[in-house]
N, C-alpha and C. Protein backbone atom coordinates (compact mmCIF):
# COMPACT_ATOMS: atom_id res chain seq x y z
N MET A 1 -3.87 -3.61 -6.92
CA MET A 1 -3.19 -2.44 -7.43
C MET A 1 -3.30 -2.34 -8.95
N ALA A 2 -3.57 -3.44 -9.61
CA ALA A 2 -3.63 -3.42 -11.07
C ALA A 2 -4.80 -2.56 -11.52
N LYS A 3 -4.63 -1.86 -12.63
CA LYS A 3 -5.65 -0.95 -13.12
C LYS A 3 -6.77 -1.71 -13.81
N LYS A 4 -6.41 -2.54 -14.76
CA LYS A 4 -7.33 -3.23 -15.63
C LYS A 4 -6.84 -4.65 -15.74
N ARG A 5 -7.74 -5.61 -15.91
CA ARG A 5 -7.24 -6.98 -15.87
C ARG A 5 -7.65 -7.81 -17.07
N ASP A 6 -6.74 -7.97 -18.00
CA ASP A 6 -6.81 -9.04 -18.97
C ASP A 6 -5.94 -10.08 -18.28
N ALA A 7 -6.60 -11.10 -17.68
CA ALA A 7 -5.91 -12.04 -16.79
C ALA A 7 -4.63 -12.60 -17.39
N ASN A 8 -4.65 -12.99 -18.66
CA ASN A 8 -3.46 -13.60 -19.27
C ASN A 8 -2.27 -12.65 -19.26
N LYS A 9 -2.48 -11.41 -19.74
CA LYS A 9 -1.37 -10.46 -19.79
C LYS A 9 -0.93 -10.04 -18.40
N TYR A 10 -1.90 -9.83 -17.51
CA TYR A 10 -1.59 -9.43 -16.13
C TYR A 10 -0.66 -10.45 -15.48
N PHE A 11 -1.03 -11.73 -15.54
CA PHE A 11 -0.22 -12.76 -14.90
C PHE A 11 1.09 -13.01 -15.65
N LYS A 12 1.08 -12.77 -16.95
CA LYS A 12 2.31 -12.89 -17.73
C LYS A 12 3.32 -11.83 -17.26
N ILE A 13 2.82 -10.64 -16.99
CA ILE A 13 3.68 -9.56 -16.50
C ILE A 13 4.17 -9.87 -15.07
N ILE A 14 3.27 -10.36 -14.24
CA ILE A 14 3.63 -10.73 -12.86
C ILE A 14 4.71 -11.82 -12.87
N ASP A 15 4.52 -12.85 -13.70
CA ASP A 15 5.52 -13.93 -13.80
C ASP A 15 6.87 -13.40 -14.29
N ALA A 16 6.81 -12.53 -15.29
CA ALA A 16 8.04 -11.95 -15.82
C ALA A 16 8.74 -11.11 -14.75
N ALA A 17 7.97 -10.32 -14.01
CA ALA A 17 8.55 -9.48 -12.96
C ALA A 17 9.20 -10.34 -11.88
N THR A 18 8.58 -11.47 -11.57
CA THR A 18 9.15 -12.38 -10.57
C THR A 18 10.54 -12.82 -11.01
N LYS A 19 10.66 -13.22 -12.26
CA LYS A 19 11.96 -13.67 -12.79
C LYS A 19 12.98 -12.53 -12.81
N VAL A 20 12.56 -11.39 -13.31
CA VAL A 20 13.48 -10.25 -13.45
C VAL A 20 13.93 -9.73 -12.09
N PHE A 21 12.99 -9.55 -11.14
CA PHE A 21 13.35 -9.05 -9.82
C PHE A 21 14.27 -10.03 -9.10
N ALA A 22 13.99 -11.33 -9.23
CA ALA A 22 14.84 -12.34 -8.56
C ALA A 22 16.24 -12.36 -9.16
N GLU A 23 16.32 -12.17 -10.47
CA GLU A 23 17.61 -12.23 -11.16
C GLU A 23 18.44 -10.96 -10.99
N LYS A 24 17.80 -9.78 -11.16
CA LYS A 24 18.54 -8.51 -11.18
C LYS A 24 18.41 -7.71 -9.89
N GLY A 25 17.41 -8.04 -9.09
CA GLY A 25 17.11 -7.21 -7.93
C GLY A 25 16.13 -6.12 -8.33
N PHE A 26 15.33 -5.67 -7.38
CA PHE A 26 14.28 -4.69 -7.67
C PHE A 26 14.85 -3.39 -8.24
N PHE A 27 15.88 -2.84 -7.59
CA PHE A 27 16.39 -1.54 -8.00
C PHE A 27 17.11 -1.57 -9.34
N GLN A 28 17.74 -2.68 -9.66
CA GLN A 28 18.46 -2.81 -10.93
C GLN A 28 17.53 -3.14 -12.10
N SER A 29 16.33 -3.60 -11.79
CA SER A 29 15.38 -3.98 -12.85
C SER A 29 14.71 -2.74 -13.42
N ARG A 30 14.43 -2.82 -14.73
CA ARG A 30 13.70 -1.74 -15.39
C ARG A 30 12.39 -2.29 -15.92
N VAL A 31 11.44 -1.42 -16.08
CA VAL A 31 10.15 -1.83 -16.65
C VAL A 31 10.38 -2.47 -18.02
N ALA A 32 11.34 -1.95 -18.77
CA ALA A 32 11.66 -2.51 -20.09
C ALA A 32 12.13 -3.96 -19.98
N ASP A 33 12.87 -4.29 -18.91
CA ASP A 33 13.31 -5.68 -18.70
C ASP A 33 12.11 -6.60 -18.48
N ILE A 34 11.16 -6.11 -17.70
CA ILE A 34 9.96 -6.91 -17.41
C ILE A 34 9.14 -7.08 -18.68
N ALA A 35 9.00 -6.02 -19.45
CA ALA A 35 8.24 -6.09 -20.70
C ALA A 35 8.88 -7.09 -21.67
N ARG A 36 10.20 -7.03 -21.78
CA ARG A 36 10.92 -7.96 -22.66
C ARG A 36 10.69 -9.41 -22.22
N GLU A 37 10.81 -9.67 -20.92
CA GLU A 37 10.62 -11.02 -20.38
C GLU A 37 9.18 -11.51 -20.60
N ALA A 38 8.23 -10.57 -20.51
CA ALA A 38 6.81 -10.92 -20.69
C ALA A 38 6.41 -11.01 -22.16
N GLY A 39 7.27 -10.49 -23.02
CA GLY A 39 6.95 -10.49 -24.46
C GLY A 39 5.87 -9.48 -24.82
N VAL A 40 5.88 -8.33 -24.11
CA VAL A 40 4.91 -7.27 -24.40
C VAL A 40 5.67 -5.96 -24.60
N ALA A 41 4.99 -4.97 -25.17
CA ALA A 41 5.60 -3.65 -25.36
C ALA A 41 5.70 -2.95 -24.00
N ASP A 42 6.70 -2.07 -23.86
CA ASP A 42 6.88 -1.35 -22.59
C ASP A 42 5.58 -0.65 -22.16
N GLY A 43 4.92 -0.03 -23.10
CA GLY A 43 3.68 0.71 -22.80
C GLY A 43 2.58 -0.17 -22.25
N THR A 44 2.59 -1.43 -22.63
CA THR A 44 1.56 -2.36 -22.16
C THR A 44 1.61 -2.50 -20.63
N ILE A 45 2.81 -2.45 -20.09
CA ILE A 45 2.97 -2.56 -18.62
C ILE A 45 2.14 -1.48 -17.94
N TYR A 46 2.16 -0.26 -18.50
CA TYR A 46 1.48 0.87 -17.86
C TYR A 46 -0.03 0.83 -18.02
N ILE A 47 -0.52 -0.06 -18.83
CA ILE A 47 -1.98 -0.27 -18.90
C ILE A 47 -2.44 -0.99 -17.62
N TYR A 48 -1.55 -1.82 -17.08
CA TYR A 48 -1.88 -2.64 -15.92
C TYR A 48 -1.35 -2.10 -14.59
N PHE A 49 -0.21 -1.40 -14.64
CA PHE A 49 0.46 -0.96 -13.42
C PHE A 49 0.92 0.49 -13.55
N ASP A 50 0.94 1.20 -12.42
CA ASP A 50 1.38 2.59 -12.43
C ASP A 50 2.90 2.71 -12.60
N ASN A 51 3.63 1.80 -11.96
CA ASN A 51 5.09 1.88 -11.97
C ASN A 51 5.66 0.55 -11.47
N LYS A 52 6.96 0.52 -11.30
CA LYS A 52 7.65 -0.70 -10.88
C LYS A 52 7.23 -1.12 -9.45
N ASP A 53 7.08 -0.14 -8.55
CA ASP A 53 6.62 -0.46 -7.19
C ASP A 53 5.24 -1.11 -7.22
N ASP A 54 4.39 -0.62 -8.08
CA ASP A 54 3.04 -1.16 -8.22
C ASP A 54 3.10 -2.63 -8.67
N ILE A 55 4.02 -2.93 -9.56
CA ILE A 55 4.19 -4.33 -10.01
C ILE A 55 4.62 -5.19 -8.83
N LEU A 56 5.58 -4.68 -8.06
CA LEU A 56 6.10 -5.42 -6.91
C LEU A 56 4.99 -5.69 -5.88
N ILE A 57 4.18 -4.69 -5.59
CA ILE A 57 3.09 -4.85 -4.62
C ILE A 57 2.04 -5.83 -5.16
N SER A 58 1.72 -5.72 -6.44
CA SER A 58 0.74 -6.64 -7.05
C SER A 58 1.25 -8.07 -7.02
N LEU A 59 2.53 -8.22 -7.29
CA LEU A 59 3.17 -9.54 -7.25
C LEU A 59 3.04 -10.13 -5.83
N PHE A 60 3.29 -9.29 -4.82
CA PHE A 60 3.17 -9.72 -3.44
C PHE A 60 1.73 -10.10 -3.10
N GLU A 61 0.77 -9.29 -3.54
CA GLU A 61 -0.65 -9.58 -3.27
C GLU A 61 -1.07 -10.91 -3.87
N GLU A 62 -0.65 -11.17 -5.10
CA GLU A 62 -0.99 -12.44 -5.74
C GLU A 62 -0.37 -13.60 -4.97
N GLN A 63 0.86 -13.44 -4.55
CA GLN A 63 1.54 -14.49 -3.80
C GLN A 63 0.86 -14.72 -2.46
N MET A 64 0.50 -13.65 -1.76
CA MET A 64 -0.18 -13.78 -0.47
C MET A 64 -1.53 -14.46 -0.61
N ARG A 65 -2.23 -14.18 -1.69
CA ARG A 65 -3.52 -14.83 -1.92
C ARG A 65 -3.33 -16.34 -2.01
N LEU A 66 -2.33 -16.77 -2.77
CA LEU A 66 -2.04 -18.20 -2.93
C LEU A 66 -1.57 -18.82 -1.61
N VAL A 67 -0.72 -18.09 -0.89
CA VAL A 67 -0.21 -18.58 0.39
C VAL A 67 -1.35 -18.78 1.38
N LEU A 68 -2.26 -17.80 1.45
CA LEU A 68 -3.41 -17.91 2.35
C LEU A 68 -4.29 -19.11 2.00
N GLU A 69 -4.59 -19.26 0.72
CA GLU A 69 -5.42 -20.40 0.29
C GLU A 69 -4.75 -21.72 0.67
N ASN A 70 -3.46 -21.82 0.41
CA ASN A 70 -2.72 -23.03 0.71
C ASN A 70 -2.70 -23.31 2.22
N MET A 71 -2.42 -22.28 3.01
CA MET A 71 -2.35 -22.44 4.47
C MET A 71 -3.70 -22.85 5.04
N GLU A 72 -4.76 -22.17 4.62
CA GLU A 72 -6.10 -22.49 5.13
C GLU A 72 -6.50 -23.91 4.76
N SER A 73 -6.13 -24.33 3.57
CA SER A 73 -6.43 -25.70 3.14
C SER A 73 -5.71 -26.72 4.00
N LYS A 74 -4.41 -26.50 4.24
CA LYS A 74 -3.62 -27.43 5.06
C LYS A 74 -4.15 -27.50 6.49
N LEU A 75 -4.48 -26.35 7.06
CA LEU A 75 -4.92 -26.30 8.45
C LEU A 75 -6.33 -26.88 8.63
N SER A 76 -7.14 -26.84 7.59
CA SER A 76 -8.51 -27.38 7.69
C SER A 76 -8.51 -28.89 7.92
N GLU A 77 -7.38 -29.53 7.64
CA GLU A 77 -7.27 -30.99 7.81
C GLU A 77 -6.83 -31.38 9.22
N VAL A 78 -6.58 -30.38 10.08
CA VAL A 78 -5.99 -30.65 11.40
C VAL A 78 -6.94 -30.16 12.49
N GLU A 79 -7.09 -30.95 13.56
CA GLU A 79 -7.96 -30.60 14.69
C GLU A 79 -7.21 -29.95 15.84
N ASN A 80 -6.11 -30.55 16.25
CA ASN A 80 -5.39 -30.13 17.45
C ASN A 80 -4.62 -28.82 17.21
N PRO A 81 -4.82 -27.80 18.08
CA PRO A 81 -4.13 -26.52 17.90
C PRO A 81 -2.60 -26.63 17.91
N ALA A 82 -2.05 -27.51 18.75
CA ALA A 82 -0.58 -27.68 18.78
C ALA A 82 -0.10 -28.22 17.43
N GLU A 83 -0.83 -29.18 16.90
CA GLU A 83 -0.46 -29.74 15.59
C GLU A 83 -0.64 -28.69 14.49
N LYS A 84 -1.67 -27.83 14.62
CA LYS A 84 -1.89 -26.75 13.65
C LYS A 84 -0.67 -25.82 13.60
N LEU A 85 -0.11 -25.52 14.77
CA LEU A 85 1.07 -24.65 14.81
C LEU A 85 2.25 -25.31 14.10
N ARG A 86 2.40 -26.62 14.30
CA ARG A 86 3.47 -27.36 13.61
C ARG A 86 3.26 -27.33 12.09
N VAL A 87 2.01 -27.57 11.68
CA VAL A 87 1.67 -27.57 10.25
C VAL A 87 1.90 -26.18 9.65
N PHE A 88 1.53 -25.13 10.39
CA PHE A 88 1.74 -23.77 9.92
C PHE A 88 3.23 -23.54 9.65
N ALA A 89 4.07 -23.91 10.62
CA ALA A 89 5.52 -23.70 10.48
C ALA A 89 6.08 -24.45 9.28
N LEU A 90 5.72 -25.71 9.15
CA LEU A 90 6.24 -26.52 8.04
C LEU A 90 5.75 -26.00 6.69
N THR A 91 4.47 -25.66 6.62
CA THR A 91 3.89 -25.14 5.36
C THR A 91 4.56 -23.84 4.96
N HIS A 92 4.76 -22.95 5.93
CA HIS A 92 5.40 -21.66 5.66
C HIS A 92 6.82 -21.86 5.12
N LEU A 93 7.61 -22.66 5.81
CA LEU A 93 9.00 -22.85 5.39
C LEU A 93 9.10 -23.66 4.10
N LYS A 94 8.17 -24.57 3.88
CA LYS A 94 8.16 -25.36 2.64
C LYS A 94 7.94 -24.45 1.43
N LEU A 95 7.09 -23.43 1.59
CA LEU A 95 6.86 -22.47 0.50
C LEU A 95 8.15 -21.77 0.11
N VAL A 96 8.98 -21.46 1.10
CA VAL A 96 10.27 -20.82 0.84
C VAL A 96 11.17 -21.76 0.04
N GLU A 97 11.19 -23.02 0.46
CA GLU A 97 12.03 -24.01 -0.21
C GLU A 97 11.54 -24.28 -1.64
N ASP A 98 10.23 -24.34 -1.82
CA ASP A 98 9.66 -24.71 -3.12
C ASP A 98 9.64 -23.56 -4.13
N ASN A 99 9.69 -22.32 -3.65
CA ASN A 99 9.59 -21.18 -4.56
C ASN A 99 10.67 -20.16 -4.20
N GLN A 100 11.90 -20.49 -4.53
CA GLN A 100 13.03 -19.68 -4.10
C GLN A 100 13.05 -18.28 -4.71
N SER A 101 12.65 -18.14 -5.96
CA SER A 101 12.65 -16.81 -6.58
C SER A 101 11.68 -15.89 -5.86
N MET A 102 10.48 -16.39 -5.61
CA MET A 102 9.48 -15.57 -4.92
C MET A 102 9.93 -15.28 -3.50
N ALA A 103 10.51 -16.27 -2.83
CA ALA A 103 10.99 -16.07 -1.46
C ALA A 103 12.05 -14.98 -1.41
N GLU A 104 12.93 -14.98 -2.39
CA GLU A 104 13.99 -13.96 -2.44
C GLU A 104 13.39 -12.58 -2.63
N ILE A 105 12.39 -12.48 -3.48
CA ILE A 105 11.74 -11.18 -3.71
C ILE A 105 11.09 -10.69 -2.42
N ILE A 106 10.36 -11.58 -1.74
CA ILE A 106 9.66 -11.18 -0.52
C ILE A 106 10.65 -10.88 0.61
N GLN A 107 11.66 -11.69 0.76
CA GLN A 107 12.61 -11.53 1.86
C GLN A 107 13.57 -10.36 1.66
N VAL A 108 13.93 -10.07 0.42
CA VAL A 108 14.96 -9.06 0.17
C VAL A 108 14.40 -7.84 -0.56
N GLU A 109 13.88 -8.05 -1.74
CA GLU A 109 13.51 -6.92 -2.61
C GLU A 109 12.33 -6.11 -2.08
N LEU A 110 11.30 -6.79 -1.62
CA LEU A 110 10.09 -6.11 -1.16
C LEU A 110 10.40 -5.15 -0.01
N ARG A 111 11.29 -5.56 0.85
CA ARG A 111 11.62 -4.76 2.03
C ARG A 111 12.46 -3.54 1.69
N GLN A 112 12.90 -3.44 0.45
CA GLN A 112 13.66 -2.27 0.03
C GLN A 112 12.79 -1.26 -0.70
N SER A 113 11.52 -1.59 -0.90
CA SER A 113 10.61 -0.67 -1.58
C SER A 113 10.02 0.29 -0.56
N SER A 114 10.37 1.56 -0.66
CA SER A 114 9.86 2.54 0.31
C SER A 114 8.35 2.68 0.18
N LYS A 115 7.81 2.52 -1.03
CA LYS A 115 6.36 2.60 -1.20
C LYS A 115 5.68 1.47 -0.43
N PHE A 116 6.24 0.27 -0.51
CA PHE A 116 5.65 -0.87 0.20
C PHE A 116 5.72 -0.64 1.71
N ILE A 117 6.87 -0.23 2.20
CA ILE A 117 7.08 -0.07 3.64
C ILE A 117 6.23 1.07 4.20
N LYS A 118 6.18 2.21 3.50
CA LYS A 118 5.52 3.40 4.06
C LYS A 118 4.04 3.50 3.74
N GLU A 119 3.64 3.08 2.53
CA GLU A 119 2.28 3.40 2.08
C GLU A 119 1.33 2.21 2.00
N TYR A 120 1.86 1.02 1.89
CA TYR A 120 1.01 -0.12 1.59
C TYR A 120 0.37 -0.71 2.84
N LYS A 121 -0.97 -0.80 2.84
CA LYS A 121 -1.70 -1.42 3.94
C LYS A 121 -1.98 -2.86 3.52
N ASN A 122 -1.27 -3.77 4.13
CA ASN A 122 -1.31 -5.16 3.68
C ASN A 122 -2.32 -5.99 4.47
N GLU A 123 -3.55 -6.00 3.98
CA GLU A 123 -4.61 -6.72 4.68
C GLU A 123 -4.44 -8.23 4.62
N GLN A 124 -3.92 -8.75 3.52
CA GLN A 124 -3.75 -10.19 3.40
C GLN A 124 -2.68 -10.70 4.35
N PHE A 125 -1.63 -9.92 4.55
CA PHE A 125 -0.59 -10.31 5.49
C PHE A 125 -1.14 -10.29 6.91
N ALA A 126 -1.98 -9.29 7.22
CA ALA A 126 -2.62 -9.23 8.54
C ALA A 126 -3.48 -10.47 8.76
N ARG A 127 -4.17 -10.89 7.71
CA ARG A 127 -4.98 -12.12 7.79
C ARG A 127 -4.11 -13.34 8.06
N TYR A 128 -2.95 -13.36 7.45
CA TYR A 128 -2.01 -14.46 7.63
C TYR A 128 -1.57 -14.55 9.09
N LEU A 129 -1.21 -13.40 9.67
CA LEU A 129 -0.83 -13.37 11.08
C LEU A 129 -2.00 -13.75 11.98
N ASP A 130 -3.20 -13.35 11.59
CA ASP A 130 -4.39 -13.67 12.39
C ASP A 130 -4.69 -15.16 12.41
N ILE A 131 -4.22 -15.90 11.42
CA ILE A 131 -4.37 -17.36 11.45
C ILE A 131 -3.61 -17.90 12.67
N ILE A 132 -2.41 -17.38 12.88
CA ILE A 132 -1.60 -17.82 14.03
C ILE A 132 -2.32 -17.46 15.34
N ALA A 133 -2.82 -16.22 15.42
CA ALA A 133 -3.53 -15.79 16.63
C ALA A 133 -4.75 -16.68 16.87
N GLY A 134 -5.46 -17.04 15.81
CA GLY A 134 -6.63 -17.90 15.92
C GLY A 134 -6.28 -19.28 16.47
N ILE A 135 -5.15 -19.81 16.02
CA ILE A 135 -4.68 -21.11 16.52
C ILE A 135 -4.38 -21.00 18.02
N ILE A 136 -3.75 -19.91 18.42
CA ILE A 136 -3.41 -19.72 19.83
C ILE A 136 -4.66 -19.58 20.69
N ARG A 137 -5.63 -18.78 20.22
CA ARG A 137 -6.89 -18.64 20.97
C ARG A 137 -7.61 -19.99 21.09
N GLU A 138 -7.62 -20.73 20.00
CA GLU A 138 -8.26 -22.06 20.02
C GLU A 138 -7.57 -22.96 21.05
N GLY A 139 -6.24 -22.92 21.09
CA GLY A 139 -5.49 -23.70 22.07
C GLY A 139 -5.78 -23.27 23.49
N GLN A 140 -6.00 -21.97 23.70
CA GLN A 140 -6.34 -21.47 25.02
C GLN A 140 -7.74 -21.95 25.43
N GLU A 141 -8.68 -21.87 24.50
CA GLU A 141 -10.05 -22.32 24.78
C GLU A 141 -10.09 -23.81 25.13
N LYS A 142 -9.20 -24.59 24.53
CA LYS A 142 -9.17 -26.03 24.78
C LYS A 142 -8.27 -26.40 25.96
N GLY A 143 -7.67 -25.38 26.59
CA GLY A 143 -6.83 -25.62 27.75
C GLY A 143 -5.46 -26.19 27.42
N ILE A 144 -5.06 -26.09 26.14
CA ILE A 144 -3.75 -26.61 25.71
C ILE A 144 -2.66 -25.56 25.91
N PHE A 145 -3.00 -24.28 25.64
CA PHE A 145 -2.05 -23.18 25.78
C PHE A 145 -2.40 -22.36 27.02
N ARG A 146 -1.39 -21.74 27.62
CA ARG A 146 -1.59 -20.90 28.79
C ARG A 146 -2.54 -19.75 28.50
N ALA A 147 -3.38 -19.43 29.48
CA ALA A 147 -4.36 -18.36 29.32
C ALA A 147 -3.72 -16.97 29.29
N ASP A 148 -2.51 -16.84 29.87
CA ASP A 148 -1.87 -15.52 29.94
C ASP A 148 -1.11 -15.14 28.67
N ILE A 149 -1.06 -16.05 27.70
CA ILE A 149 -0.40 -15.73 26.42
C ILE A 149 -1.26 -14.70 25.68
N ILE A 150 -0.64 -13.65 25.21
CA ILE A 150 -1.37 -12.63 24.43
C ILE A 150 -1.22 -12.99 22.95
N PRO A 151 -2.32 -13.41 22.30
CA PRO A 151 -2.22 -13.86 20.90
C PRO A 151 -1.58 -12.84 19.96
N GLY A 152 -1.84 -11.55 20.18
CA GLY A 152 -1.27 -10.51 19.31
C GLY A 152 0.25 -10.44 19.38
N ILE A 153 0.81 -10.72 20.54
CA ILE A 153 2.27 -10.74 20.69
C ILE A 153 2.82 -12.07 20.17
N ALA A 154 2.16 -13.16 20.57
CA ALA A 154 2.63 -14.50 20.19
C ALA A 154 2.64 -14.70 18.68
N LYS A 155 1.63 -14.17 17.98
CA LYS A 155 1.58 -14.38 16.52
C LYS A 155 2.77 -13.70 15.85
N ARG A 156 3.14 -12.51 16.34
CA ARG A 156 4.28 -11.80 15.74
C ARG A 156 5.60 -12.47 16.09
N ALA A 157 5.71 -12.98 17.30
CA ALA A 157 6.93 -13.67 17.70
C ALA A 157 7.11 -14.96 16.89
N PHE A 158 6.04 -15.72 16.73
CA PHE A 158 6.10 -16.97 15.98
C PHE A 158 6.41 -16.70 14.51
N PHE A 159 5.70 -15.73 13.93
CA PHE A 159 5.98 -15.37 12.54
C PHE A 159 7.40 -14.84 12.41
N GLY A 160 7.85 -14.04 13.37
CA GLY A 160 9.20 -13.48 13.32
C GLY A 160 10.26 -14.56 13.26
N ALA A 161 10.07 -15.63 14.03
CA ALA A 161 11.02 -16.74 14.01
C ALA A 161 11.02 -17.42 12.65
N LEU A 162 9.83 -17.65 12.10
CA LEU A 162 9.73 -18.28 10.77
C LEU A 162 10.31 -17.38 9.69
N ASP A 163 10.04 -16.09 9.82
CA ASP A 163 10.53 -15.12 8.84
C ASP A 163 12.04 -15.04 8.84
N GLU A 164 12.63 -15.05 10.02
CA GLU A 164 14.10 -15.01 10.11
C GLU A 164 14.70 -16.28 9.52
N MET A 165 14.08 -17.43 9.77
CA MET A 165 14.57 -18.68 9.19
C MET A 165 14.44 -18.63 7.66
N SER A 166 13.36 -18.07 7.18
CA SER A 166 13.16 -17.91 5.73
C SER A 166 14.23 -17.02 5.13
N ARG A 167 14.50 -15.90 5.80
CA ARG A 167 15.53 -14.97 5.32
C ARG A 167 16.88 -15.65 5.28
N PHE A 168 17.20 -16.38 6.34
CA PHE A 168 18.46 -17.12 6.41
C PHE A 168 18.53 -18.13 5.25
N TRP A 169 17.43 -18.82 5.01
CA TRP A 169 17.39 -19.85 3.97
C TRP A 169 17.64 -19.23 2.59
N VAL A 170 17.03 -18.08 2.34
CA VAL A 170 17.16 -17.39 1.06
C VAL A 170 18.59 -16.87 0.86
N LEU A 171 19.18 -16.31 1.89
CA LEU A 171 20.48 -15.65 1.75
C LEU A 171 21.68 -16.56 1.95
N SER A 172 21.45 -17.74 2.54
CA SER A 172 22.57 -18.63 2.84
C SER A 172 22.86 -19.59 1.70
N SER A 173 24.13 -19.71 1.36
CA SER A 173 24.50 -20.65 0.29
C SER A 173 24.66 -22.06 0.86
N LYS A 174 24.92 -22.15 2.15
CA LYS A 174 25.12 -23.46 2.79
C LYS A 174 23.99 -23.69 3.79
N LYS A 175 23.26 -24.79 3.62
CA LYS A 175 22.16 -25.12 4.50
C LYS A 175 22.61 -26.26 5.44
N ASP A 176 22.66 -25.98 6.72
CA ASP A 176 23.12 -26.97 7.69
C ASP A 176 22.03 -27.95 8.11
N TYR A 177 20.78 -27.60 7.84
CA TYR A 177 19.67 -28.47 8.20
C TYR A 177 18.53 -28.23 7.23
N ASP A 178 17.61 -29.18 7.19
CA ASP A 178 16.51 -29.07 6.23
C ASP A 178 15.34 -28.28 6.80
N ILE A 179 14.41 -27.95 5.94
CA ILE A 179 13.24 -27.15 6.29
C ILE A 179 12.40 -27.83 7.38
N LYS A 180 12.23 -29.14 7.26
CA LYS A 180 11.40 -29.86 8.24
C LYS A 180 12.02 -29.75 9.64
N THR A 181 13.33 -29.92 9.74
CA THR A 181 14.02 -29.80 11.04
C THR A 181 13.81 -28.40 11.62
N ALA A 182 13.96 -27.38 10.79
CA ALA A 182 13.77 -26.00 11.25
C ALA A 182 12.34 -25.78 11.72
N ALA A 183 11.36 -26.28 10.97
CA ALA A 183 9.94 -26.11 11.33
C ALA A 183 9.65 -26.79 12.66
N VAL A 184 10.15 -27.99 12.83
CA VAL A 184 9.91 -28.74 14.08
C VAL A 184 10.55 -28.00 15.26
N GLN A 185 11.80 -27.57 15.10
CA GLN A 185 12.50 -26.88 16.18
C GLN A 185 11.76 -25.60 16.59
N ILE A 186 11.41 -24.77 15.62
CA ILE A 186 10.72 -23.51 15.93
C ILE A 186 9.38 -23.79 16.60
N SER A 187 8.60 -24.71 16.06
CA SER A 187 7.30 -25.05 16.64
C SER A 187 7.45 -25.49 18.09
N GLU A 188 8.40 -26.38 18.33
CA GLU A 188 8.56 -26.93 19.67
C GLU A 188 8.99 -25.87 20.69
N TYR A 189 9.83 -24.92 20.28
CA TYR A 189 10.22 -23.84 21.21
C TYR A 189 8.96 -23.10 21.68
N PHE A 190 8.11 -22.77 20.74
CA PHE A 190 6.90 -22.01 21.07
C PHE A 190 5.89 -22.87 21.83
N LEU A 191 5.69 -24.09 21.38
CA LEU A 191 4.72 -24.97 22.05
C LEU A 191 5.12 -25.23 23.50
N GLU A 192 6.40 -25.44 23.75
CA GLU A 192 6.86 -25.67 25.12
C GLU A 192 6.61 -24.41 25.98
N GLY A 193 6.86 -23.26 25.40
CA GLY A 193 6.66 -22.00 26.14
C GLY A 193 5.21 -21.67 26.38
N MET A 194 4.31 -22.15 25.54
CA MET A 194 2.88 -21.81 25.67
C MET A 194 2.08 -22.88 26.39
N LYS A 195 2.71 -24.02 26.67
CA LYS A 195 1.99 -25.15 27.24
C LYS A 195 1.29 -24.79 28.55
N ALA A 196 0.04 -25.19 28.68
CA ALA A 196 -0.72 -24.91 29.90
C ALA A 196 -0.22 -25.78 31.04
């Protein structure tokens, strides 16, 4: 979404927006707040982004790029599809735990942007879901998962469970269990249900 890229300033603005959105919320934040946090003039923001929604979407795209790289790297070390599903769950939830500001933006602020919800075609997120579908297909080919499981439905159900746990983690002040416990529990529910 960025117009022009001087990498240093672009990422400086993205980092500043992450802090400002997490602290004030998307709707309460102003472009001037982001510019101040980034140490640039207000007008500089508009060299890189059309508006505040554009900054939010660009921030999400950068985060998804990193998440995809991280997930693909972790999964490349694993052979067994059942174990891949466990690794996916733990890696996903660990990202929430390790990067709380970004998790809050994705879980709360992003979903309040009408431009993001109505207009944005998120190809990187589709790729992320397709990783889950790929794991399920691989498990079916190896006879580990039931053949009647529809990967397109299963990937959304599995992600939905992880997403709800992430949302709970971000919004809850009291954590009754750790990320690893949640990842194991969610993985096992699905693995038991898909077992051939």
